[in-house]
Amino acid sequence: QVQLVESGGGLVQAGGSLRLSCAASGRTISSYTMGWFRQAPGKEREFVASVSRSSGTTDYAASVKGRFTISRDYAKNTMYLQMSTLKPEDTARYYCAANGNVIRTALNYDYWGQGTQVTVSS
């Protein structure tokens, strides 16, 4: 079993950048397909990005492709989400997740962090 803790959220102006971290403990992140999801008030949790366990293949939602980058640091057992050119519509609580079999579907991830809030002002 793995425990996940997100950090790095905050308030940023439109066009700015943030880097979210997802620190894992209990097991190494190399054992899992990992993903980032986000949820805005009144909306469903949506897929943002993922990195597969075996090949390291990355996948991004169309809304963030070219602006966000997912990465992993095995030495630190941590996953990151580098977010650039942020827009007000990126405002949401961001969650990291592990062990997804169908990488874009939240229900298929077994482990979740508590989330970190990202607010982008216009």
C-alpha atoms as a PDB file:
ATOM      1  CA  GLN A   1       0.000   0.000   0.000  1.00  0.00           C
ATOM      2  CA  VAL A   2       1.204   3.484  -0.783  1.00  0.00           C
ATOM      3  CA  GLN A   3       0.460   6.793   0.923  1.00  0.00           C
ATOM      4  CA  LEU A   4       0.410   9.985  -1.149  1.00  0.00           C
ATOM      5  CA  VAL A   5       0.807  13.594  -0.031  1.00  0.00           C
ATOM      6  CA  GLU A   6       0.454  16.524  -2.423  1.00  0.00           C
ATOM      7  CA  SER A   7       2.014  19.944  -1.990  1.00  0.00           C
ATOM      8  CA  GLY A   8       2.879  23.014  -4.016  1.00  0.00           C
ATOM      9  CA  GLY A   9      -0.531  24.499  -4.639  1.00  0.00           C
ATOM     10  CA  GLY A  10      -1.293  28.163  -4.138  1.00  0.00           C
ATOM     11  CA  LEU A  11      -2.573  31.384  -5.660  1.00  0.00           C
ATOM     12  CA  VAL A  12      -1.005  32.485  -8.928  1.00  0.00           C
ATOM     13  CA  GLN A  13      -1.856  35.027 -11.614  1.00  0.00           C
ATOM     14  CA  ALA A  14      -2.923  33.933 -15.067  1.00  0.00           C
ATOM     15  CA  GLY A  15       0.119  33.133 -17.180  1.00  0.00           C
ATOM     16  CA  GLY A  16       2.125  32.055 -14.163  1.00  0.00           C
ATOM     17  CA  SER A  17       3.568  28.687 -13.179  1.00  0.00           C
ATOM     18  CA  LEU A  18       3.399  26.246 -10.304  1.00  0.00           C
ATOM     19  CA  ARG A  19       4.963  22.877  -9.600  1.00  0.00           C
ATOM     20  CA  LEU A  20       2.934  20.350  -7.663  1.00  0.00           C
ATOM     21  CA  SER A  21       4.604  17.488  -5.825  1.00  0.00           C
ATOM     22  CA  CYS A  22       3.212  14.130  -4.798  1.00  0.00           C
ATOM     23  CA  ALA A  23       5.402  12.452  -2.204  1.00  0.00           C
ATOM     24  CA  ALA A  24       4.878   8.729  -1.803  1.00  0.00           C
ATOM     25  CA  SER A  25       5.626   6.457   1.134  1.00  0.00           C
ATOM     26  CA  GLY A  26       5.064   2.818   1.851  1.00  0.00           C
ATOM     27  CA  ARG A  27       5.972   1.622  -1.627  1.00  0.00           C
ATOM     28  CA  THR A  28       7.962   2.970  -4.509  1.00  0.00           C
ATOM     29  CA  ILE A  29       6.156   4.918  -7.229  1.00  0.00           C
ATOM     30  CA  SER A  30       7.832   2.733  -9.835  1.00  0.00           C
ATOM     31  CA  SER A  31       5.342   0.041  -8.795  1.00  0.00           C
ATOM     32  CA  TYR A  32       2.371   2.053 -10.020  1.00  0.00           C
ATOM     33  CA  THR A  33       0.860   3.891 -12.884  1.00  0.00           C
ATOM     34  CA  MET A  34       0.470   7.399 -11.481  1.00  0.00           C
ATOM     35  CA  GLY A  35      -1.925  10.169 -12.347  1.00  0.00           C
ATOM     36  CA  TRP A  36      -3.000  13.711 -11.601  1.00  0.00           C
ATOM     37  CA  PHE A  37      -6.662  14.655 -11.432  1.00  0.00           C
ATOM     38  CA  ARG A  38      -8.433  17.881 -10.531  1.00  0.00           C
ATOM     39  CA  GLN A  39     -11.828  18.849  -9.254  1.00  0.00           C
ATOM     40  CA  ALA A  40     -13.424  22.267  -9.294  1.00  0.00           C
ATOM     41  CA  PRO A  41     -16.427  23.114  -7.094  1.00  0.00           C
ATOM     42  CA  GLY A  42     -19.603  21.651  -8.519  1.00  0.00           C
ATOM     43  CA  LYS A  43     -17.757  19.642 -11.143  1.00  0.00           C
ATOM     44  CA  GLU A  44     -16.675  16.046 -11.470  1.00  0.00           C
ATOM     45  CA  ARG A  45     -13.101  14.980 -10.894  1.00  0.00           C
ATOM     46  CA  GLU A  46     -11.307  15.083 -14.215  1.00  0.00           C
ATOM     47  CA  PHE A  47      -8.157  13.539 -15.602  1.00  0.00           C
ATOM     48  CA  VAL A  48      -5.163  15.833 -16.029  1.00  0.00           C
ATOM     49  CA  ALA A  49      -2.102  13.678 -16.722  1.00  0.00           C
ATOM     50  CA  SER A  50      -0.632  10.237 -16.144  1.00  0.00           C
ATOM     51  CA  VAL A  51       2.598   8.307 -16.417  1.00  0.00           C
ATOM     52  CA  SER A  52       2.530   4.567 -16.914  1.00  0.00           C
ATOM     53  CA  ARG A  53       4.336   2.188 -14.588  1.00  0.00           C
ATOM     54  CA  SER A  54       6.293   0.160 -17.074  1.00  0.00           C
ATOM     55  CA  SER A  55       7.147   2.310 -20.068  1.00  0.00           C
ATOM     56  CA  GLY A  56       6.873   5.730 -18.508  1.00  0.00           C
ATOM     57  CA  THR A  57       4.531   6.770 -21.283  1.00  0.00           C
ATOM     58  CA  THR A  58       2.811  10.038 -20.477  1.00  0.00           C
ATOM     59  CA  ASP A  59      -0.702  11.132 -21.344  1.00  0.00           C
ATOM     60  CA  TYR A  60      -2.383  14.500 -20.980  1.00  0.00           C
ATOM     61  CA  ALA A  61      -5.850  15.909 -21.146  1.00  0.00           C
ATOM     62  CA  ALA A  62      -6.314  18.061 -24.208  1.00  0.00           C
ATOM     63  CA  SER A  63      -6.961  21.109 -22.020  1.00  0.00           C
ATOM     64  CA  VAL A  64      -3.466  20.961 -20.468  1.00  0.00           C
ATOM     65  CA  LYS A  65      -1.340  19.417 -23.212  1.00  0.00           C
ATOM     66  CA  GLY A  66       1.612  21.618 -24.031  1.00  0.00           C
ATOM     67  CA  ARG A  67       1.284  23.539 -20.758  1.00  0.00           C
ATOM     68  CA  PHE A  68       1.642  20.833 -18.080  1.00  0.00           C
ATOM     69  CA  THR A  69       4.383  18.232 -17.672  1.00  0.00           C
ATOM     70  CA  ILE A  70       4.232  15.130 -15.497  1.00  0.00           C
ATOM     71  CA  SER A  71       7.445  13.590 -14.197  1.00  0.00           C
ATOM     72  CA  ARG A  72       8.812  11.232 -11.578  1.00  0.00           C
ATOM     73  CA  ASP A  73      11.909  11.247  -9.377  1.00  0.00           C
ATOM     74  CA  TYR A  74      12.542   7.697  -8.199  1.00  0.00           C
ATOM     75  CA  ALA A  75      15.307   8.766  -5.821  1.00  0.00           C
ATOM     76  CA  LYS A  76      12.853  11.019  -3.977  1.00  0.00           C
ATOM     77  CA  ASN A  77       9.897   8.685  -4.571  1.00  0.00           C
ATOM     78  CA  THR A  78       7.982  11.725  -5.762  1.00  0.00           C
ATOM     79  CA  MET A  79       5.853  12.622  -8.764  1.00  0.00           C
ATOM     80  CA  TYR A  80       5.556  16.169 -10.082  1.00  0.00           C
ATOM     81  CA  LEU A  81       3.221  18.239 -12.194  1.00  0.00           C
ATOM     82  CA  GLN A  82       4.859  21.295 -13.695  1.00  0.00           C
ATOM     83  CA  MET A  83       2.128  23.717 -14.712  1.00  0.00           C
ATOM     84  CA  SER A  84       2.859  26.666 -16.978  1.00  0.00           C
ATOM     85  CA  THR A  85       0.799  29.349 -18.687  1.00  0.00           C
ATOM     86  CA  LEU A  86      -1.897  28.840 -16.097  1.00  0.00           C
ATOM     87  CA  LYS A  87      -5.441  29.964 -16.841  1.00  0.00           C
ATOM     88  CA  PRO A  88      -8.326  30.799 -14.500  1.00  0.00           C
ATOM     89  CA  GLU A  89     -10.068  27.635 -15.701  1.00  0.00           C
ATOM     90  CA  ASP A  90      -7.206  25.605 -14.209  1.00  0.00           C
ATOM     91  CA  THR A  91      -8.467  26.580 -10.762  1.00  0.00           C
ATOM     92  CA  ALA A  92      -9.284  23.380  -8.873  1.00  0.00           C
ATOM     93  CA  ARG A  93      -8.125  21.031  -6.174  1.00  0.00           C
ATOM     94  CA  TYR A  94      -5.447  18.789  -7.620  1.00  0.00           C
ATOM     95  CA  TYR A  95      -5.067  15.183  -6.547  1.00  0.00           C
ATOM     96  CA  CYS A  96      -2.414  12.595  -7.238  1.00  0.00           C
ATOM     97  CA  ALA A  97      -3.362   8.963  -7.557  1.00  0.00           C
ATOM     98  CA  ALA A  98      -1.691   5.606  -7.981  1.00  0.00           C
ATOM     99  CA  ASN A  99      -2.371   2.210  -9.472  1.00  0.00           C
ATOM    100  CA  GLY A 100      -4.639   3.102 -12.322  1.00  0.00           C
ATOM    101  CA  ASN A 101      -5.362   0.395 -14.841  1.00  0.00           C
ATOM    102  CA  VAL A 102      -7.333   2.587 -17.219  1.00  0.00           C
ATOM    103  CA  ILE A 103      -5.235   5.660 -16.926  1.00  0.00           C
ATOM    104  CA  ARG A 104      -7.850   8.347 -17.542  1.00  0.00           C
ATOM    105  CA  THR A 105     -10.524   6.926 -15.267  1.00  0.00           C
ATOM    106  CA  ALA A 106     -10.494   8.050 -11.651  1.00  0.00           C
ATOM    107  CA  LEU A 107     -12.439   5.008 -10.461  1.00  0.00           C
ATOM    108  CA  ASN A 108      -9.568   2.751 -11.500  1.00  0.00           C
ATOM    109  CA  TYR A 109      -7.053   4.374  -9.179  1.00  0.00           C
ATOM    110  CA  ASP A 110      -6.779   2.748  -5.768  1.00  0.00           C
ATOM    111  CA  TYR A 111      -4.736   5.286  -3.822  1.00  0.00           C
ATOM    112  CA  TRP A 112      -5.282   9.027  -3.487  1.00  0.00           C
ATOM    113  CA  GLY A 113      -3.735  11.970  -1.750  1.00  0.00           C
ATOM    114  CA  GLN A 114      -5.702  14.644   0.076  1.00  0.00           C
ATOM    115  CA  GLY A 115      -5.260  17.191  -2.684  1.00  0.00           C
ATOM    116  CA  THR A 116      -3.729  20.641  -2.982  1.00  0.00           C
ATOM    117  CA  GLN A 117      -5.625  23.779  -4.016  1.00  0.00           C
ATOM    118  CA  VAL A 118      -4.586  25.731  -7.094  1.00  0.00           C
ATOM    119  CA  THR A 119      -6.211  29.099  -7.678  1.00  0.00           C
ATOM    120  CA  VAL A 120      -5.464  31.119 -10.806  1.00  0.00           C
ATOM    121  CA  SER A 121      -6.553  34.747 -10.775  1.00  0.00           C
ATOM    122  CA  SER A 122      -7.357  36.671 -13.945  1.00  0.00           C
END
